[in-house]
N, C-alpha and C. Protein backbone atom coordinates (compact mmCIF):
# COMPACT_ATOMS: atom_id res chain seq x y z
N MET A 1 -145.09 -6.24 128.25
CA MET A 1 -145.24 -5.62 126.94
C MET A 1 -145.54 -6.74 125.96
N ILE A 2 -146.47 -6.48 125.04
CA ILE A 2 -146.75 -7.43 123.97
C ILE A 2 -146.59 -6.68 122.64
N ALA A 3 -145.80 -7.23 121.77
CA ALA A 3 -145.59 -6.61 120.45
C ALA A 3 -146.02 -7.63 119.43
N TYR A 4 -147.18 -7.44 118.83
CA TYR A 4 -147.72 -8.34 117.82
C TYR A 4 -147.67 -9.79 118.29
N GLY A 5 -148.18 -10.06 119.48
CA GLY A 5 -148.31 -11.41 120.00
C GLY A 5 -147.03 -12.00 120.56
N VAL A 6 -145.98 -11.21 120.67
CA VAL A 6 -144.72 -11.71 121.22
C VAL A 6 -144.67 -11.38 122.72
N PRO A 7 -144.69 -12.40 123.57
CA PRO A 7 -144.66 -12.11 124.99
C PRO A 7 -143.33 -11.55 125.42
N CYS A 8 -143.38 -10.54 126.26
CA CYS A 8 -142.15 -9.96 126.78
C CYS A 8 -142.48 -9.40 128.15
N GLY A 9 -142.41 -10.21 129.17
CA GLY A 9 -142.73 -9.70 130.52
C GLY A 9 -143.56 -10.67 131.32
N ALA A 10 -143.61 -10.44 132.60
CA ALA A 10 -144.31 -11.36 133.51
C ALA A 10 -145.81 -11.30 133.34
N VAL A 11 -146.36 -10.20 132.87
CA VAL A 11 -147.82 -10.10 132.69
C VAL A 11 -148.31 -11.16 131.76
N VAL A 12 -147.58 -11.39 130.69
CA VAL A 12 -147.98 -12.37 129.70
C VAL A 12 -147.70 -13.76 130.18
N ARG A 13 -146.56 -13.99 130.79
CA ARG A 13 -146.15 -15.33 131.20
C ARG A 13 -147.03 -15.85 132.33
N ARG A 14 -147.38 -15.00 133.26
CA ARG A 14 -148.13 -15.46 134.44
C ARG A 14 -149.61 -15.17 134.32
N GLY A 15 -150.05 -14.68 133.20
CA GLY A 15 -151.45 -14.30 133.08
C GLY A 15 -151.59 -12.86 133.63
N LEU A 16 -152.80 -12.33 133.62
CA LEU A 16 -153.02 -10.97 134.05
C LEU A 16 -153.12 -10.95 135.57
N ASP A 17 -152.03 -10.68 136.23
CA ASP A 17 -151.96 -10.57 137.65
C ASP A 17 -152.27 -9.13 138.05
N PRO A 18 -153.46 -8.86 138.65
CA PRO A 18 -153.84 -7.46 138.96
C PRO A 18 -152.84 -6.77 139.89
N GLU A 19 -152.26 -7.50 140.84
CA GLU A 19 -151.34 -6.88 141.79
C GLU A 19 -150.10 -6.41 141.04
N ARG A 20 -149.62 -7.23 140.10
CA ARG A 20 -148.42 -6.87 139.35
C ARG A 20 -148.74 -5.65 138.41
N LEU A 21 -149.95 -5.64 137.85
CA LEU A 21 -150.34 -4.49 137.01
C LEU A 21 -150.38 -3.21 137.83
N ARG A 22 -150.94 -3.28 139.02
CA ARG A 22 -150.96 -2.08 139.90
C ARG A 22 -149.56 -1.62 140.25
N LYS A 23 -148.72 -2.58 140.61
CA LYS A 23 -147.36 -2.26 140.99
C LYS A 23 -146.62 -1.62 139.83
N ASN A 24 -146.78 -2.13 138.62
CA ASN A 24 -146.11 -1.57 137.45
C ASN A 24 -146.65 -0.18 137.10
N SER A 25 -147.93 0.03 137.32
CA SER A 25 -148.51 1.33 136.94
C SER A 25 -148.10 2.43 137.86
N ARG A 26 -147.59 2.07 139.09
CA ARG A 26 -147.18 3.07 140.05
C ARG A 26 -145.72 3.44 139.95
N ARG A 27 -145.02 2.87 139.00
CA ARG A 27 -143.61 3.22 138.86
C ARG A 27 -143.47 4.68 138.52
N GLU A 28 -142.49 5.29 139.16
CA GLU A 28 -142.26 6.72 138.85
C GLU A 28 -141.63 6.88 137.48
N ASP A 29 -140.72 6.04 137.17
CA ASP A 29 -140.05 6.10 135.88
C ASP A 29 -140.64 5.02 134.99
N SER A 30 -141.40 5.45 134.01
CA SER A 30 -142.05 4.45 133.12
C SER A 30 -141.03 3.77 132.21
N MET A 31 -139.84 4.31 132.13
CA MET A 31 -138.79 3.71 131.28
C MET A 31 -138.00 2.64 132.00
N THR A 32 -138.35 2.33 133.24
CA THR A 32 -137.65 1.27 133.98
C THR A 32 -137.83 -0.04 133.20
N PRO A 33 -136.76 -0.74 132.93
CA PRO A 33 -136.90 -1.96 132.16
C PRO A 33 -137.61 -3.06 132.95
N ASP A 34 -138.39 -3.89 132.22
CA ASP A 34 -139.04 -5.01 132.84
C ASP A 34 -137.97 -6.07 133.08
N ARG A 35 -137.77 -6.42 134.31
CA ARG A 35 -136.66 -7.36 134.63
C ARG A 35 -136.93 -8.78 134.15
N HIS A 36 -138.15 -9.05 133.73
CA HIS A 36 -138.49 -10.38 133.26
C HIS A 36 -138.37 -10.53 131.75
N CYS A 37 -137.88 -9.51 131.11
CA CYS A 37 -137.73 -9.53 129.67
C CYS A 37 -136.22 -9.59 129.35
N ASN A 38 -135.81 -10.75 128.74
CA ASN A 38 -134.41 -10.85 128.42
C ASN A 38 -134.08 -10.13 127.14
N ARG A 39 -132.83 -10.08 126.80
CA ARG A 39 -132.40 -9.31 125.61
C ARG A 39 -132.97 -9.88 124.35
N ARG A 40 -133.00 -11.20 124.24
CA ARG A 40 -133.50 -11.88 123.03
C ARG A 40 -134.99 -11.53 122.81
N GLN A 41 -135.76 -11.59 123.90
CA GLN A 41 -137.20 -11.25 123.80
C GLN A 41 -137.40 -9.81 123.39
N PHE A 42 -136.58 -8.93 124.00
CA PHE A 42 -136.72 -7.50 123.66
C PHE A 42 -136.38 -7.24 122.19
N LEU A 43 -135.26 -7.81 121.73
CA LEU A 43 -134.88 -7.59 120.32
C LEU A 43 -135.92 -8.18 119.35
N HIS A 44 -136.46 -9.36 119.73
CA HIS A 44 -137.51 -9.97 118.90
C HIS A 44 -138.75 -9.08 118.86
N ALA A 45 -139.16 -8.59 120.00
CA ALA A 45 -140.34 -7.69 120.05
C ALA A 45 -140.11 -6.41 119.33
N ALA A 46 -138.89 -5.83 119.49
CA ALA A 46 -138.57 -4.59 118.79
C ALA A 46 -138.54 -4.79 117.26
N GLY A 47 -138.01 -5.89 116.82
CA GLY A 47 -137.98 -6.13 115.39
C GLY A 47 -139.37 -6.31 114.80
N LEU A 48 -140.21 -7.05 115.53
CA LEU A 48 -141.58 -7.22 115.05
C LEU A 48 -142.34 -5.89 115.06
N SER A 49 -142.09 -5.09 116.08
CA SER A 49 -142.74 -3.79 116.13
C SER A 49 -142.33 -2.89 114.96
N ALA A 50 -141.04 -2.89 114.66
CA ALA A 50 -140.56 -2.10 113.52
C ALA A 50 -141.14 -2.62 112.21
N GLY A 51 -141.22 -3.93 112.10
CA GLY A 51 -141.84 -4.51 110.90
C GLY A 51 -143.34 -4.18 110.84
N GLY A 52 -143.97 -4.16 111.98
CA GLY A 52 -145.41 -3.82 112.01
C GLY A 52 -145.67 -2.41 111.59
N VAL A 53 -144.70 -1.53 111.80
CA VAL A 53 -144.85 -0.15 111.35
C VAL A 53 -144.65 -0.07 109.83
N ALA A 54 -143.69 -0.82 109.31
CA ALA A 54 -143.35 -0.76 107.88
C ALA A 54 -144.36 -1.51 106.99
N VAL A 55 -144.85 -2.63 107.46
CA VAL A 55 -145.70 -3.46 106.64
C VAL A 55 -146.97 -2.74 106.14
N PRO A 56 -147.73 -2.02 107.00
CA PRO A 56 -148.91 -1.35 106.47
C PRO A 56 -148.58 -0.38 105.32
N TYR A 57 -147.48 0.36 105.46
CA TYR A 57 -147.06 1.30 104.39
C TYR A 57 -146.72 0.51 103.12
N TRP A 58 -146.01 -0.60 103.31
CA TRP A 58 -145.59 -1.38 102.17
C TRP A 58 -146.80 -1.93 101.39
N PHE A 59 -147.80 -2.40 102.14
CA PHE A 59 -148.97 -2.96 101.46
C PHE A 59 -149.89 -1.90 100.86
N THR A 60 -149.93 -0.71 101.48
CA THR A 60 -150.88 0.31 100.98
C THR A 60 -150.20 1.45 100.24
N GLY A 61 -149.12 2.00 100.80
CA GLY A 61 -148.52 3.18 100.20
C GLY A 61 -147.71 2.91 99.00
N ALA A 62 -146.66 2.13 99.13
CA ALA A 62 -145.73 1.92 98.02
C ALA A 62 -146.40 1.13 96.90
N ASN A 63 -147.16 0.12 97.24
CA ASN A 63 -147.72 -0.70 96.22
C ASN A 63 -148.93 -0.05 95.50
N ALA A 64 -149.50 0.98 96.12
CA ALA A 64 -150.58 1.67 95.45
C ALA A 64 -150.10 2.33 94.18
N ARG A 65 -148.83 2.71 94.12
CA ARG A 65 -148.25 3.29 92.90
C ARG A 65 -147.99 2.27 91.81
N ALA A 66 -147.99 0.97 92.15
CA ALA A 66 -147.67 -0.05 91.16
C ALA A 66 -148.67 -0.06 90.02
N ASP A 67 -149.90 0.37 90.26
CA ASP A 67 -150.89 0.40 89.20
C ASP A 67 -150.58 1.44 88.12
N GLU A 68 -149.76 2.41 88.45
CA GLU A 68 -149.42 3.47 87.52
C GLU A 68 -148.51 3.00 86.40
N PHE A 69 -147.78 1.90 86.63
CA PHE A 69 -146.80 1.41 85.67
C PHE A 69 -147.52 0.55 84.62
N LYS A 70 -147.33 0.89 83.37
CA LYS A 70 -147.99 0.15 82.28
C LYS A 70 -147.03 -0.62 81.41
N SER A 71 -145.77 -0.30 81.41
CA SER A 71 -144.80 -0.98 80.56
C SER A 71 -144.55 -2.38 81.08
N LYS A 72 -144.33 -3.29 80.18
CA LYS A 72 -144.00 -4.68 80.57
C LYS A 72 -142.70 -4.73 81.33
N ASN A 73 -141.79 -3.83 81.03
CA ASN A 73 -140.49 -3.77 81.72
C ASN A 73 -140.65 -3.31 83.17
N ASP A 74 -141.75 -2.62 83.50
CA ASP A 74 -141.96 -2.13 84.83
C ASP A 74 -142.57 -3.24 85.71
N ARG A 75 -142.94 -4.36 85.19
CA ARG A 75 -143.52 -5.45 85.95
C ARG A 75 -142.42 -6.44 86.27
N PRO A 76 -141.91 -6.46 87.48
CA PRO A 76 -140.75 -7.30 87.82
C PRO A 76 -141.05 -8.78 87.85
N HIS A 77 -140.03 -9.58 87.57
CA HIS A 77 -140.13 -11.02 87.70
C HIS A 77 -139.78 -11.37 89.13
N VAL A 78 -140.67 -12.09 89.80
CA VAL A 78 -140.54 -12.38 91.22
C VAL A 78 -140.33 -13.86 91.43
N ALA A 79 -139.42 -14.17 92.33
CA ALA A 79 -139.23 -15.54 92.81
C ALA A 79 -139.63 -15.61 94.28
N MET A 80 -140.49 -16.55 94.62
CA MET A 80 -140.97 -16.68 96.02
C MET A 80 -140.22 -17.86 96.64
N VAL A 81 -139.55 -17.62 97.77
CA VAL A 81 -138.89 -18.66 98.52
C VAL A 81 -139.66 -18.84 99.83
N GLY A 82 -140.31 -20.00 100.00
CA GLY A 82 -141.14 -20.25 101.17
C GLY A 82 -142.54 -19.83 100.84
N VAL A 83 -143.40 -20.77 100.41
CA VAL A 83 -144.77 -20.41 100.01
C VAL A 83 -145.81 -21.07 100.86
N GLY A 84 -145.44 -21.57 102.04
CA GLY A 84 -146.40 -22.10 102.97
C GLY A 84 -146.67 -21.07 104.06
N GLY A 85 -147.79 -21.14 104.72
CA GLY A 85 -148.10 -20.19 105.82
C GLY A 85 -148.18 -18.77 105.30
N TRP A 86 -147.36 -17.89 105.86
CA TRP A 86 -147.36 -16.45 105.49
C TRP A 86 -146.99 -16.29 104.01
N GLY A 87 -146.14 -17.16 103.54
CA GLY A 87 -145.72 -17.06 102.11
C GLY A 87 -146.89 -17.28 101.16
N SER A 88 -147.87 -18.12 101.56
CA SER A 88 -149.04 -18.36 100.67
C SER A 88 -149.84 -17.08 100.50
N ARG A 89 -149.89 -16.24 101.52
CA ARG A 89 -150.61 -14.95 101.43
C ARG A 89 -149.79 -13.97 100.59
N LEU A 90 -148.47 -14.03 100.78
CA LEU A 90 -147.61 -13.08 100.00
C LEU A 90 -147.64 -13.41 98.51
N VAL A 91 -147.91 -14.63 98.14
CA VAL A 91 -148.00 -14.99 96.73
C VAL A 91 -149.09 -14.16 96.06
N GLN A 92 -150.20 -14.01 96.74
CA GLN A 92 -151.32 -13.27 96.20
C GLN A 92 -150.94 -11.79 96.04
N VAL A 93 -150.23 -11.24 97.02
CA VAL A 93 -149.81 -9.82 96.97
C VAL A 93 -148.84 -9.57 95.85
N PHE A 94 -147.80 -10.42 95.78
CA PHE A 94 -146.76 -10.21 94.76
C PHE A 94 -147.32 -10.48 93.36
N ALA A 95 -148.29 -11.37 93.22
CA ALA A 95 -148.87 -11.64 91.93
C ALA A 95 -149.58 -10.45 91.34
N LYS A 96 -150.09 -9.57 92.25
CA LYS A 96 -150.77 -8.34 91.79
C LYS A 96 -149.81 -7.37 91.12
N TYR A 97 -148.59 -7.30 91.65
CA TYR A 97 -147.67 -6.23 91.23
C TYR A 97 -146.45 -6.74 90.45
N GLY A 98 -146.31 -8.03 90.32
CA GLY A 98 -145.20 -8.59 89.58
C GLY A 98 -145.58 -9.92 89.00
N GLU A 99 -144.75 -10.45 88.15
CA GLU A 99 -145.00 -11.73 87.52
C GLU A 99 -144.14 -12.78 88.30
N ILE A 100 -144.82 -13.68 88.99
CA ILE A 100 -144.12 -14.68 89.76
C ILE A 100 -143.67 -15.80 88.78
N VAL A 101 -142.37 -15.93 88.59
CA VAL A 101 -141.83 -16.83 87.61
C VAL A 101 -141.27 -18.09 88.26
N ALA A 102 -141.10 -18.10 89.58
CA ALA A 102 -140.57 -19.27 90.27
C ALA A 102 -141.03 -19.29 91.70
N VAL A 103 -141.32 -20.47 92.20
CA VAL A 103 -141.64 -20.67 93.62
C VAL A 103 -140.76 -21.79 94.15
N CYS A 104 -140.43 -21.65 95.43
CA CYS A 104 -139.53 -22.63 96.06
C CYS A 104 -140.01 -22.90 97.46
N ASP A 105 -140.12 -24.20 97.78
CA ASP A 105 -140.46 -24.60 99.13
C ASP A 105 -139.97 -26.03 99.30
N VAL A 106 -139.49 -26.36 100.50
CA VAL A 106 -139.00 -27.71 100.73
C VAL A 106 -140.19 -28.67 100.83
N ASP A 107 -141.38 -28.18 101.16
CA ASP A 107 -142.57 -29.00 101.19
C ASP A 107 -143.27 -28.85 99.82
N GLN A 108 -143.18 -29.88 99.02
CA GLN A 108 -143.70 -29.77 97.65
C GLN A 108 -145.19 -29.60 97.61
N ARG A 109 -145.92 -29.89 98.69
CA ARG A 109 -147.37 -29.64 98.70
C ARG A 109 -147.61 -28.14 98.66
N HIS A 110 -146.84 -27.36 99.44
CA HIS A 110 -147.00 -25.91 99.42
C HIS A 110 -146.66 -25.33 98.03
N ALA A 111 -145.58 -25.86 97.48
CA ALA A 111 -145.16 -25.35 96.17
C ALA A 111 -146.18 -25.66 95.11
N ALA A 112 -146.79 -26.85 95.16
CA ALA A 112 -147.80 -27.24 94.20
C ALA A 112 -149.06 -26.36 94.33
N LYS A 113 -149.44 -26.01 95.56
CA LYS A 113 -150.59 -25.13 95.79
C LYS A 113 -150.33 -23.76 95.22
N ALA A 114 -149.14 -23.23 95.44
CA ALA A 114 -148.76 -21.92 94.93
C ALA A 114 -148.77 -21.92 93.42
N LYS A 115 -148.24 -22.96 92.82
CA LYS A 115 -148.21 -23.04 91.37
C LYS A 115 -149.63 -23.09 90.82
N ALA A 116 -150.49 -23.89 91.44
CA ALA A 116 -151.89 -23.99 91.00
C ALA A 116 -152.61 -22.64 91.14
N ALA A 117 -152.33 -21.94 92.24
CA ALA A 117 -152.95 -20.63 92.47
C ALA A 117 -152.53 -19.60 91.44
N LEU A 118 -151.36 -19.79 90.86
CA LEU A 118 -150.82 -18.88 89.85
C LEU A 118 -151.05 -19.38 88.45
N GLY A 119 -151.96 -20.31 88.28
CA GLY A 119 -152.26 -20.80 86.93
C GLY A 119 -151.27 -21.76 86.34
N GLY A 120 -150.42 -22.35 87.15
CA GLY A 120 -149.40 -23.32 86.67
C GLY A 120 -148.25 -22.69 85.92
N LYS A 121 -148.08 -21.38 85.98
CA LYS A 121 -147.03 -20.68 85.22
C LYS A 121 -145.63 -20.81 85.84
N PRO A 122 -145.50 -20.58 87.15
CA PRO A 122 -144.11 -20.53 87.67
C PRO A 122 -143.49 -21.94 87.73
N LYS A 123 -142.19 -21.93 87.64
CA LYS A 123 -141.41 -23.17 87.78
C LYS A 123 -141.19 -23.42 89.28
N VAL A 124 -141.28 -24.70 89.67
CA VAL A 124 -141.22 -25.06 91.09
C VAL A 124 -139.82 -25.62 91.42
N TYR A 125 -139.25 -25.15 92.48
CA TYR A 125 -137.93 -25.57 92.97
C TYR A 125 -138.05 -26.08 94.40
N GLU A 126 -137.20 -27.02 94.74
CA GLU A 126 -137.13 -27.49 96.12
C GLU A 126 -135.91 -26.87 96.82
N ASP A 127 -134.88 -26.50 96.05
CA ASP A 127 -133.68 -25.90 96.60
C ASP A 127 -133.60 -24.44 96.10
N TYR A 128 -133.57 -23.51 97.00
CA TYR A 128 -133.57 -22.11 96.60
C TYR A 128 -132.30 -21.71 95.84
N ARG A 129 -131.22 -22.42 96.07
CA ARG A 129 -129.98 -22.10 95.34
C ARG A 129 -130.09 -22.36 93.86
N LYS A 130 -130.85 -23.37 93.50
CA LYS A 130 -131.10 -23.68 92.05
C LYS A 130 -131.95 -22.53 91.46
N LEU A 131 -132.90 -22.06 92.26
CA LEU A 131 -133.77 -20.96 91.80
C LEU A 131 -132.93 -19.71 91.53
N LEU A 132 -131.95 -19.44 92.41
CA LEU A 132 -131.14 -18.22 92.30
C LEU A 132 -130.16 -18.26 91.11
N GLU A 133 -130.04 -19.41 90.47
CA GLU A 133 -129.16 -19.49 89.29
C GLU A 133 -129.81 -18.87 88.07
N ARG A 134 -131.12 -18.63 88.12
CA ARG A 134 -131.81 -18.03 86.97
C ARG A 134 -131.37 -16.59 86.79
N ASN A 135 -131.35 -16.13 85.53
CA ASN A 135 -130.93 -14.79 85.22
C ASN A 135 -132.12 -13.81 85.06
N ASP A 136 -133.35 -14.33 84.99
CA ASP A 136 -134.50 -13.47 84.72
C ASP A 136 -135.25 -13.00 85.96
N ILE A 137 -134.68 -13.19 87.12
CA ILE A 137 -135.37 -12.84 88.39
C ILE A 137 -134.92 -11.44 88.82
N ASP A 138 -135.91 -10.56 89.06
CA ASP A 138 -135.66 -9.25 89.55
C ASP A 138 -135.83 -9.06 91.03
N VAL A 139 -136.75 -9.85 91.60
CA VAL A 139 -137.08 -9.73 93.03
C VAL A 139 -137.16 -11.12 93.63
N VAL A 140 -136.55 -11.30 94.84
CA VAL A 140 -136.67 -12.53 95.59
C VAL A 140 -137.46 -12.22 96.84
N ALA A 141 -138.64 -12.83 96.99
CA ALA A 141 -139.45 -12.63 98.18
C ALA A 141 -139.17 -13.79 99.12
N ASN A 142 -138.67 -13.50 100.32
CA ASN A 142 -138.24 -14.49 101.27
C ASN A 142 -139.27 -14.63 102.40
N ALA A 143 -140.04 -15.71 102.37
CA ALA A 143 -141.00 -15.97 103.42
C ALA A 143 -140.68 -17.29 104.15
N THR A 144 -139.41 -17.47 104.37
CA THR A 144 -138.97 -18.69 105.07
C THR A 144 -139.02 -18.51 106.59
N PRO A 145 -138.90 -19.60 107.36
CA PRO A 145 -138.82 -19.43 108.80
C PRO A 145 -137.62 -18.57 109.18
N GLU A 146 -137.68 -17.99 110.37
CA GLU A 146 -136.68 -17.02 110.84
C GLU A 146 -135.24 -17.51 110.68
N HIS A 147 -134.96 -18.74 111.00
CA HIS A 147 -133.58 -19.19 110.95
C HIS A 147 -133.06 -19.37 109.51
N TRP A 148 -133.89 -19.26 108.52
CA TRP A 148 -133.48 -19.34 107.12
C TRP A 148 -133.44 -17.95 106.44
N HIS A 149 -133.92 -16.92 107.10
CA HIS A 149 -133.95 -15.58 106.46
C HIS A 149 -132.57 -15.14 105.98
N VAL A 150 -131.60 -15.17 106.84
CA VAL A 150 -130.27 -14.64 106.52
C VAL A 150 -129.60 -15.42 105.43
N PRO A 151 -129.53 -16.76 105.47
CA PRO A 151 -128.87 -17.46 104.36
C PRO A 151 -129.50 -17.20 103.02
N VAL A 152 -130.84 -17.22 102.98
CA VAL A 152 -131.55 -16.98 101.71
C VAL A 152 -131.30 -15.57 101.22
N CYS A 153 -131.40 -14.59 102.10
CA CYS A 153 -131.19 -13.18 101.68
C CYS A 153 -129.75 -12.97 101.24
N MET A 154 -128.78 -13.52 101.97
CA MET A 154 -127.36 -13.34 101.56
C MET A 154 -127.12 -13.96 100.18
N ASP A 155 -127.62 -15.16 99.96
CA ASP A 155 -127.40 -15.79 98.67
C ASP A 155 -128.13 -15.05 97.55
N ALA A 156 -129.31 -14.52 97.85
CA ALA A 156 -130.09 -13.75 96.86
C ALA A 156 -129.34 -12.48 96.48
N CYS A 157 -128.70 -11.84 97.47
CA CYS A 157 -127.92 -10.60 97.18
C CYS A 157 -126.70 -10.92 96.31
N ARG A 158 -126.11 -12.08 96.55
CA ARG A 158 -124.91 -12.46 95.77
C ARG A 158 -125.27 -12.88 94.35
N ALA A 159 -126.50 -13.36 94.18
CA ALA A 159 -126.88 -13.92 92.84
C ALA A 159 -127.04 -12.82 91.80
């Protein structure tokens, strides 16, 4: 099974083995678990699959209504944590629907690029905890690597 590029099973690990594909296609019970997929790989693939279902709606459905809001109060202040890689693309999306007032990245090159892309308006932080001390932030967009998602989200919820 492949879920958004995440390998889970012998077909991906060993390449496309025609004999293995034929053997798997003849299974009577298609719900038989792939014995080469451990729990961590399964949960990772399931999480990415669930995210893959939600992301298209989020980009097209929910945000399509953002154009309807005209009041300045309806435009949220956004703080971006992690603006390299995927976060650099999210900066463009969030800038459409909110005002990005702060960016944070441990790599100052990424933070400088994001600030330049936003016209030099947002304040740049290297430590997300300093960013969370601000009172004017409505939304925290977390585009950090996986092992930083939980600490950043927990601290953002507490702020």
